[in-house]
Amino acid sequence: MSDALRAELTKLRSVRSTTWALLAILGLTIALGVVSSSTSHTEGGRGEDIVMVSLVGVYFAQIAAVAFGVLAVCSEYATGTIRATFAANPRRLQVVAAKVAIVGGLVAGVSIVATVGAFYAGQAILRGNGFVDANGYPAASLADGQTLRTVAIAAGYLVVLAVLSLAAAAILRDTAAAISVLLGVLFVPWIVGGLLPENLANAFEEATPMAGIAAQEQGAPIGPWAGIGVTSAWAAAALLVALWLVRRRDA
């Protein structure tokens, strides 16, 4: 397994898109969190969730996470190097497991830095915008269990989404198709949900893979742990299908 892990890490490091995708996850999470915090003020009296305000960039960074997971697999299918990979290591399930471990590990490292950075940057800006104790907004700290949970789940969501994307890429074996399907599964239910009665809209929100991050918003129909559980269930199901197909199909 160590050889498989080294091989997958070497391949990902040699692909230019790896660096750009990881930088996009980092940059979008922090930059858009800063923008969101800078444009939020207490005058509206809306009872803002100041932690989620600073983490709004995750909604955009998930697109980069999808692209990274897809390209980690489809780049090999596009160039035909997947045949060499399976020839060098005929244990295909081990190859997929190594890909999952490397992709998940890289995204985990970047997403932890990104979400923690966005949190601290956002809180500093929000305090300057009037989100202070005197206005009913106690300071948020990672020492608080609920705040730590919110930041941790936001980081974990990007990891699970990258694994889901990797699995979808192994199933479809086409970059454009995999990214299109994943973005459709993520965003279309939320667009359609706004046109439906509340009970049906809630059902859409609870079932979409984006539940992992959306469940952290105030008034979400399901809880944060249930939300990330839904995203994880999507990833696990897609991975099982991918493993079955990888074993049965020709490279």
Protein backbone atom coordinates (compact mmCIF):
# COMPACT_ATOMS: atom_id res chain seq x y z
CA MET A 1 0.00 0.00 0.00
CA SER A 2 2.90 2.38 0.73
CA ASP A 3 4.10 1.98 -2.87
CA ALA A 4 0.61 2.73 -4.16
CA LEU A 5 0.40 5.84 -1.98
CA ARG A 6 3.77 7.12 -3.17
CA ALA A 7 2.80 6.48 -6.78
CA GLU A 8 -0.47 8.39 -6.48
CA LEU A 9 1.21 11.30 -4.70
CA THR A 10 3.88 11.47 -7.40
CA LYS A 11 1.24 11.50 -10.15
CA LEU A 12 -0.80 14.22 -8.50
CA ARG A 13 2.28 16.36 -7.91
CA SER A 14 3.12 16.11 -11.61
CA VAL A 15 -0.29 17.43 -12.69
CA ARG A 16 -0.42 21.24 -12.85
CA SER A 17 -4.11 21.34 -11.98
CA THR A 18 -3.39 19.88 -8.53
CA THR A 19 -1.67 23.03 -7.31
CA TRP A 20 -4.24 25.33 -8.85
CA ALA A 21 -7.20 23.41 -7.43
CA LEU A 22 -5.76 23.33 -3.92
CA LEU A 23 -4.88 27.03 -4.10
CA ALA A 24 -8.44 27.73 -5.29
CA ILE A 25 -9.87 25.90 -2.27
CA LEU A 26 -7.64 27.95 0.03
CA GLY A 27 -8.12 31.26 -1.75
CA LEU A 28 -11.87 31.07 -2.28
CA THR A 29 -12.57 30.00 1.29
CA ILE A 30 -10.57 32.82 2.83
CA ALA A 31 -11.12 35.59 0.28
CA LEU A 32 -14.89 35.20 0.03
CA GLY A 33 -15.14 34.77 3.78
CA VAL A 34 -13.37 38.13 4.12
CA VAL A 35 -15.72 39.72 1.58
CA SER A 36 -18.78 38.31 3.34
CA SER A 37 -17.56 39.55 6.73
CA SER A 38 -16.64 42.97 5.34
CA THR A 39 -20.13 43.51 3.90
CA SER A 40 -22.00 42.34 7.02
CA HIS A 41 -23.20 44.95 9.51
CA THR A 42 -25.38 44.90 12.59
CA GLU A 43 -27.75 47.62 11.39
CA GLY A 44 -30.01 45.06 9.73
CA GLY A 45 -30.71 43.33 13.00
CA ARG A 46 -31.01 39.93 11.33
CA GLY A 47 -29.28 37.92 14.07
CA GLU A 48 -26.38 36.85 11.87
CA ASP A 49 -24.54 33.61 12.55
CA ILE A 50 -21.10 35.20 12.69
CA VAL A 51 -19.27 31.88 12.33
CA MET A 52 -21.07 30.92 9.12
CA VAL A 53 -20.67 34.46 7.78
CA SER A 54 -16.91 33.96 7.87
CA LEU A 55 -17.19 30.49 6.30
CA VAL A 56 -19.40 31.42 3.33
CA GLY A 57 -16.43 30.92 1.01
CA VAL A 58 -16.83 27.16 1.45
CA TYR A 59 -19.89 27.33 -0.82
CA PHE A 60 -17.62 28.49 -3.63
CA ALA A 61 -14.55 26.47 -2.68
CA GLN A 62 -16.59 23.30 -3.12
CA ILE A 63 -16.43 23.83 -6.89
CA ALA A 64 -12.62 23.64 -6.70
CA ALA A 65 -12.90 20.53 -4.50
CA VAL A 66 -15.12 18.91 -7.12
CA ALA A 67 -12.66 19.76 -9.89
CA PHE A 68 -9.74 18.42 -7.89
CA GLY A 69 -11.42 15.10 -7.13
CA VAL A 70 -12.51 14.63 -10.73
CA LEU A 71 -9.15 15.51 -12.27
CA ALA A 72 -7.32 13.18 -9.90
CA VAL A 73 -8.93 10.30 -11.81
CA CYS A 74 -10.00 11.62 -15.20
CA SER A 75 -6.57 13.04 -16.03
CA GLU A 76 -5.32 9.45 -16.19
CA TYR A 77 -8.23 8.24 -18.28
CA ALA A 78 -7.83 11.17 -20.66
CA THR A 79 -4.16 10.44 -21.29
CA GLY A 80 -4.45 6.66 -21.17
CA THR A 81 -1.94 6.39 -18.31
CA ILE A 82 -4.54 4.53 -16.26
CA ARG A 83 -3.54 1.41 -18.22
CA ALA A 84 0.04 1.79 -17.03
CA THR A 85 -1.20 2.34 -13.48
CA PHE A 86 -3.21 -0.89 -13.47
CA ALA A 87 -0.40 -2.76 -15.22
CA ALA A 88 2.06 -1.67 -12.53
CA ASN A 89 -0.41 -2.51 -9.77
CA PRO A 90 -3.10 -5.02 -10.84
CA ARG A 91 -4.79 -4.70 -7.43
CA ARG A 92 -7.24 -2.10 -8.64
CA LEU A 93 -9.05 -1.66 -5.35
CA GLN A 94 -5.74 -0.78 -3.75
CA VAL A 95 -5.12 1.82 -6.45
CA VAL A 96 -8.51 3.43 -5.81
CA ALA A 97 -7.94 3.32 -2.04
CA ALA A 98 -4.59 5.05 -2.51
CA LYS A 99 -6.22 7.74 -4.65
CA VAL A 100 -8.88 8.31 -1.98
CA ALA A 101 -6.25 8.55 0.76
CA ILE A 102 -4.03 11.01 -1.13
CA VAL A 103 -6.85 13.18 -2.41
CA GLY A 104 -8.57 13.19 0.97
CA GLY A 105 -5.34 13.94 2.80
CA LEU A 106 -4.36 16.84 0.53
CA VAL A 107 -7.82 18.42 0.67
CA ALA A 108 -7.97 17.90 4.44
CA GLY A 109 -4.69 19.75 4.96
CA VAL A 110 -5.72 22.66 2.76
CA SER A 111 -9.32 22.88 3.98
CA ILE A 112 -8.29 22.95 7.66
CA VAL A 113 -5.93 25.86 7.00
CA ALA A 114 -8.57 27.55 4.82
CA THR A 115 -11.49 27.29 7.23
CA VAL A 116 -9.47 28.22 10.31
CA GLY A 117 -7.92 31.13 8.42
CA ALA A 118 -11.32 32.29 7.15
CA PHE A 119 -12.75 32.02 10.66
CA TYR A 120 -10.08 34.15 12.31
CA ALA A 121 -9.98 36.71 9.51
CA GLY A 122 -13.76 36.94 9.45
CA GLN A 123 -14.11 37.33 13.20
CA ALA A 124 -11.56 40.16 13.27
CA ILE A 125 -13.47 42.01 10.56
CA LEU A 126 -16.88 41.34 12.08
CA ARG A 127 -15.80 42.68 15.46
CA GLY A 128 -14.83 45.91 13.71
CA ASN A 129 -18.25 46.00 12.02
CA GLY A 130 -20.10 46.04 15.32
CA PHE A 131 -20.56 42.33 16.00
CA VAL A 132 -19.59 42.71 19.65
CA ASP A 133 -21.04 41.72 23.02
CA ALA A 134 -22.76 45.09 23.43
CA ASN A 135 -24.83 44.40 20.30
CA GLY A 136 -25.70 40.85 21.28
CA TYR A 137 -22.87 39.06 19.49
CA PRO A 138 -20.54 37.29 21.94
CA ALA A 139 -17.05 36.66 20.61
CA ALA A 140 -16.74 33.33 18.81
CA SER A 141 -13.81 31.10 19.71
CA LEU A 142 -12.55 27.70 18.61
CA ALA A 143 -12.41 26.86 22.30
CA ASP A 144 -16.22 26.76 22.16
CA GLY A 145 -17.51 23.32 21.19
CA GLN A 146 -20.23 24.54 18.84
CA THR A 147 -17.89 26.91 17.01
CA LEU A 148 -15.21 24.24 16.68
CA ARG A 149 -17.82 21.82 15.34
CA THR A 150 -18.96 24.31 12.71
CA VAL A 151 -15.42 24.98 11.47
CA ALA A 152 -14.47 21.29 11.57
CA ILE A 153 -17.54 20.18 9.63
CA ALA A 154 -16.94 22.90 7.03
CA ALA A 155 -13.41 21.56 6.49
CA GLY A 156 -14.60 17.96 6.52
CA TYR A 157 -17.32 18.74 4.00
CA LEU A 158 -14.74 19.72 1.38
CA VAL A 159 -12.84 16.48 2.02
CA VAL A 160 -15.94 14.30 1.67
CA LEU A 161 -16.98 16.21 -1.45
CA ALA A 162 -13.57 15.63 -3.03
CA VAL A 163 -13.90 11.89 -2.37
CA LEU A 164 -17.41 11.90 -3.84
CA SER A 165 -16.02 13.66 -6.92
CA LEU A 166 -13.21 11.13 -7.25
CA ALA A 167 -15.73 8.29 -7.12
CA ALA A 168 -17.99 9.96 -9.69
CA ALA A 169 -14.98 10.41 -11.98
CA ALA A 170 -14.12 6.71 -11.69
CA ILE A 171 -17.71 5.86 -12.62
CA LEU A 172 -18.05 8.24 -15.58
CA ARG A 173 -14.39 8.40 -16.71
CA ASP A 174 -14.95 11.75 -18.42
CA THR A 175 -13.98 15.10 -16.93
CA ALA A 176 -16.77 17.23 -18.40
CA ALA A 177 -19.47 14.66 -17.67
CA ALA A 178 -18.34 14.10 -14.07
CA ILE A 179 -18.09 17.81 -13.22
CA SER A 180 -21.43 18.56 -14.89
CA VAL A 181 -23.22 15.77 -13.05
CA LEU A 182 -21.72 16.71 -9.70
CA LEU A 183 -22.51 20.42 -10.00
CA GLY A 184 -26.01 19.52 -11.10
CA VAL A 185 -26.52 17.22 -8.12
CA LEU A 186 -25.17 19.90 -5.79
CA PHE A 187 -26.95 23.01 -7.06
CA VAL A 188 -30.05 22.01 -9.02
CA PRO A 189 -31.96 20.73 -5.95
CA TRP A 190 -31.39 24.07 -4.23
CA ILE A 191 -32.60 26.02 -7.25
CA VAL A 192 -35.63 23.80 -7.69
CA GLY A 193 -36.29 23.77 -3.95
CA GLY A 194 -36.97 27.49 -3.99
CA LEU A 195 -39.89 26.87 -6.35
CA LEU A 196 -41.50 24.10 -4.29
CA PRO A 197 -43.73 24.03 -1.20
CA GLU A 198 -41.80 24.17 2.07
CA ASN A 199 -42.10 20.47 2.92
CA LEU A 200 -40.79 19.39 -0.49
CA ALA A 201 -38.08 22.04 -0.43
CA ASN A 202 -36.92 20.75 2.96
CA ALA A 203 -36.83 17.22 1.58
CA PHE A 204 -34.59 18.41 -1.26
CA GLU A 205 -32.29 20.19 1.19
CA GLU A 206 -32.03 17.10 3.37
CA ALA A 207 -31.20 14.80 0.45
CA THR A 208 -28.66 16.83 -1.54
CA PRO A 209 -24.92 16.33 -1.01
CA MET A 210 -24.67 20.02 -0.14
CA ALA A 211 -26.51 19.25 3.10
CA GLY A 212 -23.10 18.87 4.71
CA ILE A 213 -22.51 22.62 4.67
CA ALA A 214 -26.07 23.95 4.32
CA ALA A 215 -27.21 22.13 7.48
CA GLN A 216 -25.01 24.49 9.49
CA GLU A 217 -27.07 27.51 8.53
CA GLN A 218 -29.62 28.84 10.99
CA GLY A 219 -33.08 27.37 10.34
CA ALA A 220 -31.79 24.39 8.33
CA PRO A 221 -34.25 21.47 8.25
CA ILE A 222 -31.66 19.02 9.62
CA GLY A 223 -28.82 19.24 12.12
CA PRO A 224 -25.12 19.69 11.32
CA TRP A 225 -24.11 16.09 12.01
CA ALA A 226 -27.04 14.74 10.04
CA GLY A 227 -26.09 17.05 7.17
CA ILE A 228 -22.49 15.87 6.93
CA GLY A 229 -23.85 12.34 7.31
CA VAL A 230 -25.92 12.83 4.15
CA THR A 231 -22.88 14.04 2.21
CA SER A 232 -20.85 11.11 3.53
CA ALA A 233 -23.58 8.68 2.50
CA TRP A 234 -23.44 10.04 -1.06
CA ALA A 235 -19.65 9.64 -1.09
CA ALA A 236 -19.79 6.11 0.32
CA ALA A 237 -22.45 4.99 -2.17
CA ALA A 238 -20.56 6.49 -5.12
CA LEU A 239 -17.32 4.91 -3.94
CA LEU A 240 -18.89 1.46 -3.69
CA VAL A 241 -20.22 1.76 -7.24
CA ALA A 242 -16.85 3.03 -8.45
CA LEU A 243 -14.99 0.12 -6.84
CA TRP A 244 -17.38 -2.39 -8.39
CA LEU A 245 -17.02 -0.86 -11.85
CA VAL A 246 -13.24 -0.49 -11.66
CA ARG A 247 -12.95 -4.20 -10.99
CA ARG A 248 -15.28 -5.22 -13.81
CA ARG A 249 -14.40 -2.82 -16.64
CA ASP A 250 -11.39 -2.65 -18.89
CA ALA A 251 -9.05 0.26 -18.24
